[in-house]
């Protein structure tokens, strides 16, 4: 078994989160076949992905070798030199402002708010990037109409973000072979991928980097607060008590770790029937306002539950770029209110 054959097989091994094989990334430093034994040395700066790469190599070459020894070079300088929430690193120095959009629970419209906020800022003339940090549910590519695109690299070995409606987007949804490919990652691998999305993407100079966080209060929220000087944040909730309970926990997490809170967005606030104009508070009422008053943060806006917002989001056309000025106006008002809180408007 010669090295050329082994290298060709190793081109099937994909580095987690990058959508590129370990040969083209020059991760493989040594290949030493010896009868039914094989020794491989990997230069991996982030050891949290080693286990997954090791598993891929073993699965691909186990039929050709009885014994496979895979090691990584421990003298490589780790890339994950974490900061802390009081004195965070700045892995996005190219962005003048960083906005984190999060929620206490899933299904409240956080990604819809992130997408429309980003496009609304671009409509105001700003240079905007959107990082989809919700790695297990990457919905932003569909909402921006780029879900059929796949990750590409430039000549400087940087990932090229997708672009539409005047904003740049990076999402793990652009790295998977198919749209229904699940990302069965431990949190350390997910965090590693996001760090590389911050550092190894050709973002260019940005006025705003909007980060669509996953729901909850976990590793990714904490890591982003350690690695980025977050300028402000938005907490998205519905009026329903089970949503406001979780949103309260998100507020307290950000307060505890020192992330500025720009305000609350109440989504699915009410429903107005298109035929009679009657209003129904399907998920209750006043939940967002209650959180805002309890924690002394602004209520940036309330967005109704409408079929048109759902339909345009599924079709890859955010509400702010449609002809419906009323629907788009909700998000544009939120963008203006947030900038006012930041002292920009």
C-alpha atoms as a PDB file:
ATOM      1  CA  UNK A   1       0.000   0.000   0.000  1.00  0.00           C
ATOM      2  CA  UNK A   2       1.756   3.202  -1.129  1.00  0.00           C
ATOM      3  CA  UNK A   3       1.431   6.705   0.285  1.00  0.00           C
ATOM      4  CA  UNK A   4      -0.245   8.084  -2.840  1.00  0.00           C
ATOM      5  CA  UNK A   5      -3.146   5.643  -2.427  1.00  0.00           C
ATOM      6  CA  UNK A   6      -3.467   6.529   1.270  1.00  0.00           C
ATOM      7  CA  UNK A   7      -3.446  10.266   0.511  1.00  0.00           C
ATOM      8  CA  UNK A   8      -6.226   9.754  -2.002  1.00  0.00           C
ATOM      9  CA  UNK A   9      -8.298   7.907   0.605  1.00  0.00           C
ATOM     10  CA  UNK A  10      -7.627  10.638   3.165  1.00  0.00           C
ATOM     11  CA  UNK A  11      -9.184  13.185   0.809  1.00  0.00           C
ATOM     12  CA  UNK A  12     -12.475  11.693   1.961  1.00  0.00           C
ATOM     13  CA  UNK A  13     -11.807  12.850   5.544  1.00  0.00           C
ATOM     14  CA  UNK A  14     -13.510  16.209   6.117  1.00  0.00           C
ATOM     15  CA  UNK A  15     -12.278  18.609   8.787  1.00  0.00           C
ATOM     16  CA  UNK A  16     -15.288  19.334  11.070  1.00  0.00           C
ATOM     17  CA  UNK A  17     -16.993  22.613  10.335  1.00  0.00           C
ATOM     18  CA  UNK A  18     -14.872  23.576   7.335  1.00  0.00           C
ATOM     19  CA  UNK A  19     -16.240  21.364   4.590  1.00  0.00           C
ATOM     20  CA  UNK A  20     -12.697  20.724   3.321  1.00  0.00           C
ATOM     21  CA  UNK A  21     -10.568  17.565   3.430  1.00  0.00           C
ATOM     22  CA  UNK A  22      -7.523  17.174   5.664  1.00  0.00           C
ATOM     23  CA  UNK A  23      -5.147  16.733   2.715  1.00  0.00           C
ATOM     24  CA  UNK A  24      -5.967  20.046   1.061  1.00  0.00           C
ATOM     25  CA  UNK A  25      -5.814  21.730   4.476  1.00  0.00           C
ATOM     26  CA  UNK A  26      -2.292  20.272   4.914  1.00  0.00           C
ATOM     27  CA  UNK A  27      -3.313  18.714   8.204  1.00  0.00           C
ATOM     28  CA  UNK A  28      -1.542  15.410   7.457  1.00  0.00           C
ATOM     29  CA  UNK A  29       2.196  15.652   8.240  1.00  0.00           C
ATOM     30  CA  UNK A  30       3.325  12.025   8.061  1.00  0.00           C
ATOM     31  CA  UNK A  31       2.074   8.820   6.469  1.00  0.00           C
ATOM     32  CA  UNK A  32       4.088   5.712   7.339  1.00  0.00           C
ATOM     33  CA  UNK A  33       2.686   2.386   6.045  1.00  0.00           C
ATOM     34  CA  UNK A  34       4.454  -0.781   7.202  1.00  0.00           C
ATOM     35  CA  UNK A  35       2.774  -4.030   6.153  1.00  0.00           C
ATOM     36  CA  UNK A  36      -0.551  -4.252   7.957  1.00  0.00           C
ATOM     37  CA  UNK A  37       0.361  -1.277  10.147  1.00  0.00           C
ATOM     38  CA  UNK A  38      -0.149   2.420   9.410  1.00  0.00           C
ATOM     39  CA  UNK A  39       1.067   5.445  11.307  1.00  0.00           C
ATOM     40  CA  UNK A  40      -0.349   8.924  10.595  1.00  0.00           C
ATOM     41  CA  UNK A  41       0.664  12.223  12.178  1.00  0.00           C
ATOM     42  CA  UNK A  42      -1.765  15.136  12.103  1.00  0.00           C
ATOM     43  CA  UNK A  43      -1.021  18.793  12.768  1.00  0.00           C
ATOM     44  CA  UNK A  44      -4.242  19.937  14.444  1.00  0.00           C
ATOM     45  CA  UNK A  45      -4.196  23.185  16.365  1.00  0.00           C
ATOM     46  CA  UNK A  46      -7.543  22.397  17.963  1.00  0.00           C
ATOM     47  CA  UNK A  47      -7.477  19.021  19.642  1.00  0.00           C
ATOM     48  CA  UNK A  48     -11.243  19.014  20.246  1.00  0.00           C
ATOM     49  CA  UNK A  49     -11.800  17.875  16.645  1.00  0.00           C
ATOM     50  CA  UNK A  50      -9.156  15.132  16.772  1.00  0.00           C
ATOM     51  CA  UNK A  51     -11.528  12.396  17.920  1.00  0.00           C
ATOM     52  CA  UNK A  52     -13.904  12.956  15.005  1.00  0.00           C
ATOM     53  CA  UNK A  53     -11.074  13.066  12.443  1.00  0.00           C
ATOM     54  CA  UNK A  54      -9.533   9.942  13.966  1.00  0.00           C
ATOM     55  CA  UNK A  55     -12.869   8.136  13.651  1.00  0.00           C
ATOM     56  CA  UNK A  56     -13.219   9.127   9.986  1.00  0.00           C
ATOM     57  CA  UNK A  57      -9.695   7.908   9.147  1.00  0.00           C
ATOM     58  CA  UNK A  58     -10.226   4.617  10.934  1.00  0.00           C
ATOM     59  CA  UNK A  59     -13.517   3.974   9.131  1.00  0.00           C
ATOM     60  CA  UNK A  60     -11.973   4.688   5.732  1.00  0.00           C
ATOM     61  CA  UNK A  61      -8.731   2.697   6.141  1.00  0.00           C
ATOM     62  CA  UNK A  62      -9.696  -0.130   8.509  1.00  0.00           C
ATOM     63  CA  UNK A  63     -10.166  -2.562   5.612  1.00  0.00           C
ATOM     64  CA  UNK A  64      -6.646  -1.889   4.347  1.00  0.00           C
ATOM     65  CA  UNK A  65      -4.724  -1.948   7.636  1.00  0.00           C
ATOM     66  CA  UNK A  66      -5.057  -4.093  10.738  1.00  0.00           C
ATOM     67  CA  UNK A  67      -3.362  -1.593  13.026  1.00  0.00           C
ATOM     68  CA  UNK A  68      -3.764   2.173  12.605  1.00  0.00           C
ATOM     69  CA  UNK A  69      -1.917   4.581  14.888  1.00  0.00           C
ATOM     70  CA  UNK A  70      -3.081   8.196  14.570  1.00  0.00           C
ATOM     71  CA  UNK A  71      -1.438  10.966  16.574  1.00  0.00           C
ATOM     72  CA  UNK A  72      -1.500  14.736  16.492  1.00  0.00           C
ATOM     73  CA  UNK A  73       1.458  17.024  17.048  1.00  0.00           C
ATOM     74  CA  UNK A  74       1.206  18.370  20.576  1.00  0.00           C
ATOM     75  CA  UNK A  75       3.744  21.101  19.936  1.00  0.00           C
ATOM     76  CA  UNK A  76       1.266  22.990  17.755  1.00  0.00           C
ATOM     77  CA  UNK A  77       0.056  26.212  19.327  1.00  0.00           C
ATOM     78  CA  UNK A  78      -3.662  25.866  20.141  1.00  0.00           C
ATOM     79  CA  UNK A  79      -5.921  28.312  18.343  1.00  0.00           C
ATOM     80  CA  UNK A  80      -8.488  28.290  21.146  1.00  0.00           C
ATOM     81  CA  UNK A  81      -6.706  30.568  23.572  1.00  0.00           C
ATOM     82  CA  UNK A  82      -9.899  31.690  25.248  1.00  0.00           C
ATOM     83  CA  UNK A  83     -10.425  35.092  26.707  1.00  0.00           C
ATOM     84  CA  UNK A  84     -12.933  35.735  29.448  1.00  0.00           C
ATOM     85  CA  UNK A  85     -16.190  37.610  29.659  1.00  0.00           C
ATOM     86  CA  UNK A  86     -14.669  40.553  31.535  1.00  0.00           C
ATOM     87  CA  UNK A  87     -11.804  40.914  29.080  1.00  0.00           C
ATOM     88  CA  UNK A  88     -12.814  39.095  25.886  1.00  0.00           C
ATOM     89  CA  UNK A  89     -10.631  38.417  22.892  1.00  0.00           C
ATOM     90  CA  UNK A  90     -11.502  40.153  19.651  1.00  0.00           C
ATOM     91  CA  UNK A  91     -11.621  37.536  16.918  1.00  0.00           C
ATOM     92  CA  UNK A  92     -13.692  39.880  14.734  1.00  0.00           C
ATOM     93  CA  UNK A  93     -11.620  43.053  14.656  1.00  0.00           C
ATOM     94  CA  UNK A  94     -12.971  43.637  11.151  1.00  0.00           C
ATOM     95  CA  UNK A  95     -16.417  44.439  12.625  1.00  0.00           C
ATOM     96  CA  UNK A  96     -17.070  47.833  14.218  1.00  0.00           C
ATOM     97  CA  UNK A  97     -20.131  46.532  16.101  1.00  0.00           C
ATOM     98  CA  UNK A  98     -21.206  43.031  17.106  1.00  0.00           C
ATOM     99  CA  UNK A  99     -24.871  42.284  17.787  1.00  0.00           C
ATOM    100  CA  UNK A 100     -25.862  38.989  19.430  1.00  0.00           C
ATOM    101  CA  UNK A 101     -29.442  37.798  18.866  1.00  0.00           C
ATOM    102  CA  UNK A 102     -30.540  35.031  21.212  1.00  0.00           C
ATOM    103  CA  UNK A 103     -33.558  33.457  22.898  1.00  0.00           C
ATOM    104  CA  UNK A 104     -34.249  31.312  25.889  1.00  0.00           C
ATOM    105  CA  UNK A 105     -35.985  28.600  23.841  1.00  0.00           C
ATOM    106  CA  UNK A 106     -36.268  27.517  20.243  1.00  0.00           C
ATOM    107  CA  UNK A 107     -39.132  28.221  17.874  1.00  0.00           C
ATOM    108  CA  UNK A 108     -39.733  31.830  18.868  1.00  0.00           C
ATOM    109  CA  UNK A 109     -38.506  33.411  15.606  1.00  0.00           C
ATOM    110  CA  UNK A 110     -34.962  34.317  16.623  1.00  0.00           C
ATOM    111  CA  UNK A 111     -33.461  33.518  13.203  1.00  0.00           C
ATOM    112  CA  UNK A 112     -36.233  35.454  11.438  1.00  0.00           C
ATOM    113  CA  UNK A 113     -35.411  38.480  13.588  1.00  0.00           C
ATOM    114  CA  UNK A 114     -31.662  38.046  12.936  1.00  0.00           C
ATOM    115  CA  UNK A 115     -32.129  37.879   9.166  1.00  0.00           C
ATOM    116  CA  UNK A 116     -34.539  40.813   8.916  1.00  0.00           C
ATOM    117  CA  UNK A 117     -32.479  42.928  11.315  1.00  0.00           C
ATOM    118  CA  UNK A 118     -29.347  42.280   9.217  1.00  0.00           C
ATOM    119  CA  UNK A 119     -31.058  43.194   5.949  1.00  0.00           C
ATOM    120  CA  UNK A 120     -32.700  46.256   7.527  1.00  0.00           C
ATOM    121  CA  UNK A 121     -29.260  47.506   8.608  1.00  0.00           C
ATOM    122  CA  UNK A 122     -27.925  46.910   5.090  1.00  0.00           C
ATOM    123  CA  UNK A 123     -30.861  48.914   3.688  1.00  0.00           C
ATOM    124  CA  UNK A 124     -29.686  51.808   5.869  1.00  0.00           C
ATOM    125  CA  UNK A 125     -26.337  51.759   4.076  1.00  0.00           C
ATOM    126  CA  UNK A 126     -24.261  49.725   6.528  1.00  0.00           C
ATOM    127  CA  UNK A 127     -21.884  46.873   5.692  1.00  0.00           C
ATOM    128  CA  UNK A 128     -23.374  43.842   7.430  1.00  0.00           C
ATOM    129  CA  UNK A 129     -22.347  40.239   8.033  1.00  0.00           C
ATOM    130  CA  UNK A 130     -24.564  37.538   9.552  1.00  0.00           C
ATOM    131  CA  UNK A 131     -22.970  34.601  11.375  1.00  0.00           C
ATOM    132  CA  UNK A 132     -25.363  31.703  11.893  1.00  0.00           C
ATOM    133  CA  UNK A 133     -24.126  30.301  15.205  1.00  0.00           C
ATOM    134  CA  UNK A 134     -27.163  28.033  15.582  1.00  0.00           C
ATOM    135  CA  UNK A 135     -25.125  25.059  14.335  1.00  0.00           C
ATOM    136  CA  UNK A 136     -27.740  22.379  15.040  1.00  0.00           C
ATOM    137  CA  UNK A 137     -30.563  24.273  13.338  1.00  0.00           C
ATOM    138  CA  UNK A 138     -29.010  26.454  10.615  1.00  0.00           C
ATOM    139  CA  UNK A 139     -32.070  28.094   9.022  1.00  0.00           C
ATOM    140  CA  UNK A 140     -30.612  31.375   7.788  1.00  0.00           C
ATOM    141  CA  UNK A 141     -29.479  30.077   4.352  1.00  0.00           C
ATOM    142  CA  UNK A 142     -33.090  29.215   3.471  1.00  0.00           C
ATOM    143  CA  UNK A 143     -34.398  32.524   4.779  1.00  0.00           C
ATOM    144  CA  UNK A 144     -31.898  34.396   2.610  1.00  0.00           C
ATOM    145  CA  UNK A 145     -32.477  32.268  -0.487  1.00  0.00           C
ATOM    146  CA  UNK A 146     -28.979  30.730  -0.565  1.00  0.00           C
ATOM    147  CA  UNK A 147     -29.766  27.271   0.812  1.00  0.00           C
ATOM    148  CA  UNK A 148     -28.594  25.591  -2.425  1.00  0.00           C
ATOM    149  CA  UNK A 149     -25.150  27.201  -2.241  1.00  0.00           C
ATOM    150  CA  UNK A 150     -22.149  25.367  -0.809  1.00  0.00           C
ATOM    151  CA  UNK A 151     -18.965  26.589   0.807  1.00  0.00           C
ATOM    152  CA  UNK A 152     -16.200  27.887  -1.467  1.00  0.00           C
ATOM    153  CA  UNK A 153     -12.650  29.018  -0.742  1.00  0.00           C
ATOM    154  CA  UNK A 154     -10.644  31.898  -2.193  1.00  0.00           C
ATOM    155  CA  UNK A 155      -6.986  31.909  -3.261  1.00  0.00           C
ATOM    156  CA  UNK A 156      -5.917  32.931   0.238  1.00  0.00           C
ATOM    157  CA  UNK A 157      -7.521  29.810   1.737  1.00  0.00           C
ATOM    158  CA  UNK A 158     -10.320  31.816   3.285  1.00  0.00           C
ATOM    159  CA  UNK A 159     -13.954  30.737   3.218  1.00  0.00           C
ATOM    160  CA  UNK A 160     -16.134  32.896   0.990  1.00  0.00           C
ATOM    161  CA  UNK A 161     -19.415  33.960   2.633  1.00  0.00           C
ATOM    162  CA  UNK A 162     -22.627  33.767   0.638  1.00  0.00           C
ATOM    163  CA  UNK A 163     -24.205  37.104  -0.229  1.00  0.00           C
ATOM    164  CA  UNK A 164     -27.782  38.221  -0.805  1.00  0.00           C
ATOM    165  CA  UNK A 165     -29.896  41.304  -0.070  1.00  0.00           C
ATOM    166  CA  UNK A 166     -26.750  43.293   0.672  1.00  0.00           C
ATOM    167  CA  UNK A 167     -25.422  41.130   3.524  1.00  0.00           C
ATOM    168  CA  UNK A 168     -22.763  38.443   3.858  1.00  0.00           C
ATOM    169  CA  UNK A 169     -23.680  35.106   5.457  1.00  0.00           C
ATOM    170  CA  UNK A 170     -21.711  32.245   6.943  1.00  0.00           C
ATOM    171  CA  UNK A 171     -23.528  29.179   8.244  1.00  0.00           C
ATOM    172  CA  UNK A 172     -22.751  25.513   8.795  1.00  0.00           C
ATOM    173  CA  UNK A 173     -25.792  24.952   6.601  1.00  0.00           C
ATOM    174  CA  UNK A 174     -23.514  25.916   3.680  1.00  0.00           C
ATOM    175  CA  UNK A 175     -20.903  23.261   4.567  1.00  0.00           C
ATOM    176  CA  UNK A 176     -22.963  20.070   4.646  1.00  0.00           C
ATOM    177  CA  UNK A 177     -23.238  17.795   1.570  1.00  0.00           C
ATOM    178  CA  UNK A 178     -27.044  17.867   1.701  1.00  0.00           C
ATOM    179  CA  UNK A 179     -29.552  20.124   3.405  1.00  0.00           C
ATOM    180  CA  UNK A 180     -30.772  17.295   5.660  1.00  0.00           C
ATOM    181  CA  UNK A 181     -27.300  16.224   6.823  1.00  0.00           C
ATOM    182  CA  UNK A 182     -27.369  16.316  10.649  1.00  0.00           C
ATOM    183  CA  UNK A 183     -24.456  17.783  12.579  1.00  0.00           C
ATOM    184  CA  UNK A 184     -23.847  15.248  15.327  1.00  0.00           C
ATOM    185  CA  UNK A 185     -21.203  17.282  17.110  1.00  0.00           C
ATOM    186  CA  UNK A 186     -20.088  17.632  20.676  1.00  0.00           C
ATOM    187  CA  UNK A 187     -20.198  21.224  21.873  1.00  0.00           C
ATOM    188  CA  UNK A 188     -16.404  21.546  21.707  1.00  0.00           C
ATOM    189  CA  UNK A 189     -16.446  20.762  17.981  1.00  0.00           C
ATOM    190  CA  UNK A 190     -19.300  23.200  17.365  1.00  0.00           C
ATOM    191  CA  UNK A 191     -17.428  25.937  19.221  1.00  0.00           C
ATOM    192  CA  UNK A 192     -14.281  25.191  17.197  1.00  0.00           C
ATOM    193  CA  UNK A 193     -16.191  25.553  13.925  1.00  0.00           C
ATOM    194  CA  UNK A 194     -17.617  28.922  14.994  1.00  0.00           C
ATOM    195  CA  UNK A 195     -14.184  30.228  15.983  1.00  0.00           C
ATOM    196  CA  UNK A 196     -12.979  29.359  12.497  1.00  0.00           C
ATOM    197  CA  UNK A 197     -16.027  31.056  10.972  1.00  0.00           C
ATOM    198  CA  UNK A 198     -14.901  34.189  12.789  1.00  0.00           C
ATOM    199  CA  UNK A 199     -11.238  33.965  11.814  1.00  0.00           C
ATOM    200  CA  UNK A 200     -11.082  32.083   8.503  1.00  0.00           C
ATOM    201  CA  UNK A 201     -13.869  33.768   6.534  1.00  0.00           C
ATOM    202  CA  UNK A 202     -13.295  36.590   4.038  1.00  0.00           C
ATOM    203  CA  UNK A 203     -15.723  38.941   5.779  1.00  0.00           C
ATOM    204  CA  UNK A 204     -14.034  42.170   4.727  1.00  0.00           C
ATOM    205  CA  UNK A 205     -14.651  45.319   6.761  1.00  0.00           C
ATOM    206  CA  UNK A 206     -18.063  45.331   8.469  1.00  0.00           C
ATOM    207  CA  UNK A 207     -20.068  47.961  10.266  1.00  0.00           C
ATOM    208  CA  UNK A 208     -22.132  45.234  11.951  1.00  0.00           C
ATOM    209  CA  UNK A 209     -21.628  41.533  12.543  1.00  0.00           C
ATOM    210  CA  UNK A 210     -24.960  40.044  13.616  1.00  0.00           C
ATOM    211  CA  UNK A 211     -24.717  36.664  15.352  1.00  0.00           C
ATOM    212  CA  UNK A 212     -27.742  34.381  15.298  1.00  0.00           C
ATOM    213  CA  UNK A 213     -27.145  32.452  18.523  1.00  0.00           C
ATOM    214  CA  UNK A 214     -28.619  29.041  19.324  1.00  0.00           C
ATOM    215  CA  UNK A 215     -31.437  29.048  21.882  1.00  0.00           C
ATOM    216  CA  UNK A 216     -30.625  28.563  25.533  1.00  0.00           C
ATOM    217  CA  UNK A 217     -27.728  29.464  27.817  1.00  0.00           C
ATOM    218  CA  UNK A 218     -24.892  27.149  26.879  1.00  0.00           C
ATOM    219  CA  UNK A 219     -21.338  26.821  25.594  1.00  0.00           C
ATOM    220  CA  UNK A 220     -21.772  28.840  22.419  1.00  0.00           C
ATOM    221  CA  UNK A 221     -23.235  31.899  24.149  1.00  0.00           C
ATOM    222  CA  UNK A 222     -20.468  31.791  26.741  1.00  0.00           C
ATOM    223  CA  UNK A 223     -17.716  31.303  24.154  1.00  0.00           C
ATOM    224  CA  UNK A 224     -18.941  34.146  21.964  1.00  0.00           C
ATOM    225  CA  UNK A 225     -18.882  36.406  25.031  1.00  0.00           C
ATOM    226  CA  UNK A 226     -15.312  35.274  25.745  1.00  0.00           C
ATOM    227  CA  UNK A 227     -14.060  35.666  22.196  1.00  0.00           C
ATOM    228  CA  UNK A 228     -15.873  38.808  21.052  1.00  0.00           C
ATOM    229  CA  UNK A 229     -16.419  42.288  22.496  1.00  0.00           C
ATOM    230  CA  UNK A 230     -20.181  42.131  21.960  1.00  0.00           C
ATOM    231  CA  UNK A 231     -21.541  45.638  21.490  1.00  0.00           C
ATOM    232  CA  UNK A 232     -25.168  44.843  22.280  1.00  0.00           C
ATOM    233  CA  UNK A 233     -27.686  42.016  22.224  1.00  0.00           C
ATOM    234  CA  UNK A 234     -31.343  41.257  21.549  1.00  0.00           C
ATOM    235  CA  UNK A 235     -33.444  38.718  23.426  1.00  0.00           C
ATOM    236  CA  UNK A 236     -36.337  37.293  21.375  1.00  0.00           C
ATOM    237  CA  UNK A 237     -39.427  35.873  23.073  1.00  0.00           C
ATOM    238  CA  UNK A 238     -43.121  35.265  22.512  1.00  0.00           C
ATOM    239  CA  UNK A 239     -45.750  36.482  25.003  1.00  0.00           C
ATOM    240  CA  UNK A 240     -46.273  32.915  26.255  1.00  0.00           C
ATOM    241  CA  UNK A 241     -45.189  32.209  29.838  1.00  0.00           C
ATOM    242  CA  UNK A 242     -43.018  29.203  28.932  1.00  0.00           C
ATOM    243  CA  UNK A 243     -41.141  31.459  26.506  1.00  0.00           C
ATOM    244  CA  UNK A 244     -40.774  34.419  28.851  1.00  0.00           C
ATOM    245  CA  UNK A 245     -39.511  32.105  31.607  1.00  0.00           C
ATOM    246  CA  UNK A 246     -36.675  30.951  29.358  1.00  0.00           C
ATOM    247  CA  UNK A 247     -36.077  34.449  27.990  1.00  0.00           C
ATOM    248  CA  UNK A 248     -35.627  35.649  31.576  1.00  0.00           C
ATOM    249  CA  UNK A 249     -32.850  33.105  32.017  1.00  0.00           C
ATOM    250  CA  UNK A 250     -31.172  34.390  28.840  1.00  0.00           C
ATOM    251  CA  UNK A 251     -31.399  37.953  30.149  1.00  0.00           C
ATOM    252  CA  UNK A 252     -29.836  36.952  33.459  1.00  0.00           C
ATOM    253  CA  UNK A 253     -27.038  35.030  31.751  1.00  0.00           C
ATOM    254  CA  UNK A 254     -26.081  38.052  29.668  1.00  0.00           C
ATOM    255  CA  UNK A 255     -26.320  40.336  32.686  1.00  0.00           C
ATOM    256  CA  UNK A 256     -24.162  37.959  34.754  1.00  0.00           C
ATOM    257  CA  UNK A 257     -21.413  37.728  32.133  1.00  0.00           C
ATOM    258  CA  UNK A 258     -21.501  41.418  31.263  1.00  0.00           C
ATOM    259  CA  UNK A 259     -23.025  41.370  27.781  1.00  0.00           C
ATOM    260  CA  UNK A 260     -24.933  44.628  27.126  1.00  0.00           C
ATOM    261  CA  UNK A 261     -28.634  44.077  26.394  1.00  0.00           C
ATOM    262  CA  UNK A 262     -30.080  46.360  23.745  1.00  0.00           C
ATOM    263  CA  UNK A 263     -33.614  45.185  24.339  1.00  0.00           C
ATOM    264  CA  UNK A 264     -36.400  42.641  24.020  1.00  0.00           C
ATOM    265  CA  UNK A 265     -38.241  41.716  20.837  1.00  0.00           C
ATOM    266  CA  UNK A 266     -41.665  40.135  21.308  1.00  0.00           C
ATOM    267  CA  UNK A 267     -42.460  37.921  18.348  1.00  0.00           C
ATOM    268  CA  UNK A 268     -45.843  36.341  17.510  1.00  0.00           C
ATOM    269  CA  UNK A 269     -47.404  39.064  19.647  1.00  0.00           C
ATOM    270  CA  UNK A 270     -50.890  38.792  18.199  1.00  0.00           C
ATOM    271  CA  UNK A 271     -52.805  37.582  15.159  1.00  0.00           C
ATOM    272  CA  UNK A 272     -55.178  39.691  13.056  1.00  0.00           C
ATOM    273  CA  UNK A 273     -57.525  37.753  10.826  1.00  0.00           C
ATOM    274  CA  UNK A 274     -57.248  38.889   7.199  1.00  0.00           C
ATOM    275  CA  UNK A 275     -61.008  38.648   6.578  1.00  0.00           C
ATOM    276  CA  UNK A 276     -62.508  40.386   9.624  1.00  0.00           C
ATOM    277  CA  UNK A 277     -59.555  42.258  11.088  1.00  0.00           C
ATOM    278  CA  UNK A 278     -60.259  40.743  14.515  1.00  0.00           C
ATOM    279  CA  UNK A 279     -57.254  40.504  16.840  1.00  0.00           C
ATOM    280  CA  UNK A 280     -56.411  37.320  18.750  1.00  0.00           C
ATOM    281  CA  UNK A 281     -53.685  37.040  21.374  1.00  0.00           C
ATOM    282  CA  UNK A 282     -52.904  33.399  20.587  1.00  0.00           C
ATOM    283  CA  UNK A 283     -49.826  33.186  22.822  1.00  0.00           C
ATOM    284  CA  UNK A 284     -51.070  35.578  25.479  1.00  0.00           C
ATOM    285  CA  UNK A 285     -50.156  39.240  25.783  1.00  0.00           C
ATOM    286  CA  UNK A 286     -47.702  41.497  27.547  1.00  0.00           C
ATOM    287  CA  UNK A 287     -44.923  38.955  28.032  1.00  0.00           C
ATOM    288  CA  UNK A 288     -42.210  40.971  26.316  1.00  0.00           C
ATOM    289  CA  UNK A 289     -43.212  44.161  28.088  1.00  0.00           C
ATOM    290  CA  UNK A 290     -43.198  42.330  31.416  1.00  0.00           C
ATOM    291  CA  UNK A 291     -39.604  41.122  30.889  1.00  0.00           C
ATOM    292  CA  UNK A 292     -38.482  44.563  29.751  1.00  0.00           C
ATOM    293  CA  UNK A 293     -39.892  46.201  32.892  1.00  0.00           C
ATOM    294  CA  UNK A 294     -38.651  43.482  35.242  1.00  0.00           C
ATOM    295  CA  UNK A 295     -35.044  43.734  34.048  1.00  0.00           C
ATOM    296  CA  UNK A 296     -35.080  47.421  33.108  1.00  0.00           C
ATOM    297  CA  UNK A 297     -34.269  46.913  29.436  1.00  0.00           C
ATOM    298  CA  UNK A 298     -36.056  48.428  26.413  1.00  0.00           C
ATOM    299  CA  UNK A 299     -38.851  46.715  24.486  1.00  0.00           C
ATOM    300  CA  UNK A 300     -37.581  47.217  20.934  1.00  0.00           C
ATOM    301  CA  UNK A 301     -40.714  46.068  19.170  1.00  0.00           C
ATOM    302  CA  UNK A 302     -43.602  43.654  18.831  1.00  0.00           C
ATOM    303  CA  UNK A 303     -44.075  41.542  15.702  1.00  0.00           C
ATOM    304  CA  UNK A 304     -47.440  39.947  14.898  1.00  0.00           C
ATOM    305  CA  UNK A 305     -48.003  36.370  13.832  1.00  0.00           C
ATOM    306  CA  UNK A 306     -48.756  36.576  10.122  1.00  0.00           C
ATOM    307  CA  UNK A 307     -48.854  34.134   7.239  1.00  0.00           C
ATOM    308  CA  UNK A 308     -46.945  36.517   4.974  1.00  0.00           C
ATOM    309  CA  UNK A 309     -43.840  36.609   7.194  1.00  0.00           C
ATOM    310  CA  UNK A 310     -43.827  32.822   7.332  1.00  0.00           C
ATOM    311  CA  UNK A 311     -44.359  32.474   3.584  1.00  0.00           C
ATOM    312  CA  UNK A 312     -41.689  34.960   2.584  1.00  0.00           C
ATOM    313  CA  UNK A 313     -39.173  33.475   5.050  1.00  0.00           C
ATOM    314  CA  UNK A 314     -39.722  29.986   3.625  1.00  0.00           C
ATOM    315  CA  UNK A 315     -39.352  31.410   0.106  1.00  0.00           C
ATOM    316  CA  UNK A 316     -35.998  33.019   0.917  1.00  0.00           C
ATOM    317  CA  UNK A 317     -37.285  36.591   0.817  1.00  0.00           C
ATOM    318  CA  UNK A 318     -37.121  38.447   4.153  1.00  0.00           C
ATOM    319  CA  UNK A 319     -40.104  40.626   5.059  1.00  0.00           C
ATOM    320  CA  UNK A 320     -38.031  43.824   4.840  1.00  0.00           C
ATOM    321  CA  UNK A 321     -37.410  43.334   1.099  1.00  0.00           C
ATOM    322  CA  UNK A 322     -41.019  42.580   0.154  1.00  0.00           C
ATOM    323  CA  UNK A 323     -43.614  45.052  -1.097  1.00  0.00           C
ATOM    324  CA  UNK A 324     -45.457  44.736   2.213  1.00  0.00           C
ATOM    325  CA  UNK A 325     -44.265  47.895   3.965  1.00  0.00           C
ATOM    326  CA  UNK A 326     -46.294  47.092   7.082  1.00  0.00           C
ATOM    327  CA  UNK A 327     -44.639  43.703   7.688  1.00  0.00           C
ATOM    328  CA  UNK A 328     -41.177  44.965   6.805  1.00  0.00           C
ATOM    329  CA  UNK A 329     -41.744  48.050   8.909  1.00  0.00           C
ATOM    330  CA  UNK A 330     -41.832  46.029  12.124  1.00  0.00           C
ATOM    331  CA  UNK A 331     -38.211  44.950  11.652  1.00  0.00           C
ATOM    332  CA  UNK A 332     -37.055  48.313  10.324  1.00  0.00           C
ATOM    333  CA  UNK A 333     -38.452  49.969  13.452  1.00  0.00           C
ATOM    334  CA  UNK A 334     -36.612  47.425  15.611  1.00  0.00           C
ATOM    335  CA  UNK A 335     -33.361  48.213  13.772  1.00  0.00           C
ATOM    336  CA  UNK A 336     -33.846  51.956  14.306  1.00  0.00           C
ATOM    337  CA  UNK A 337     -34.754  51.483  17.974  1.00  0.00           C
ATOM    338  CA  UNK A 338     -31.660  49.335  18.518  1.00  0.00           C
ATOM    339  CA  UNK A 339     -29.369  51.872  16.861  1.00  0.00           C
ATOM    340  CA  UNK A 340     -30.913  54.583  19.032  1.00  0.00           C
ATOM    341  CA  UNK A 341     -30.106  52.506  22.133  1.00  0.00           C
ATOM    342  CA  UNK A 342     -26.539  52.160  20.847  1.00  0.00           C
ATOM    343  CA  UNK A 343     -26.287  55.936  20.381  1.00  0.00           C
ATOM    344  CA  UNK A 344     -25.814  55.620  16.603  1.00  0.00           C
ATOM    345  CA  UNK A 345     -29.105  57.270  15.597  1.00  0.00           C
END
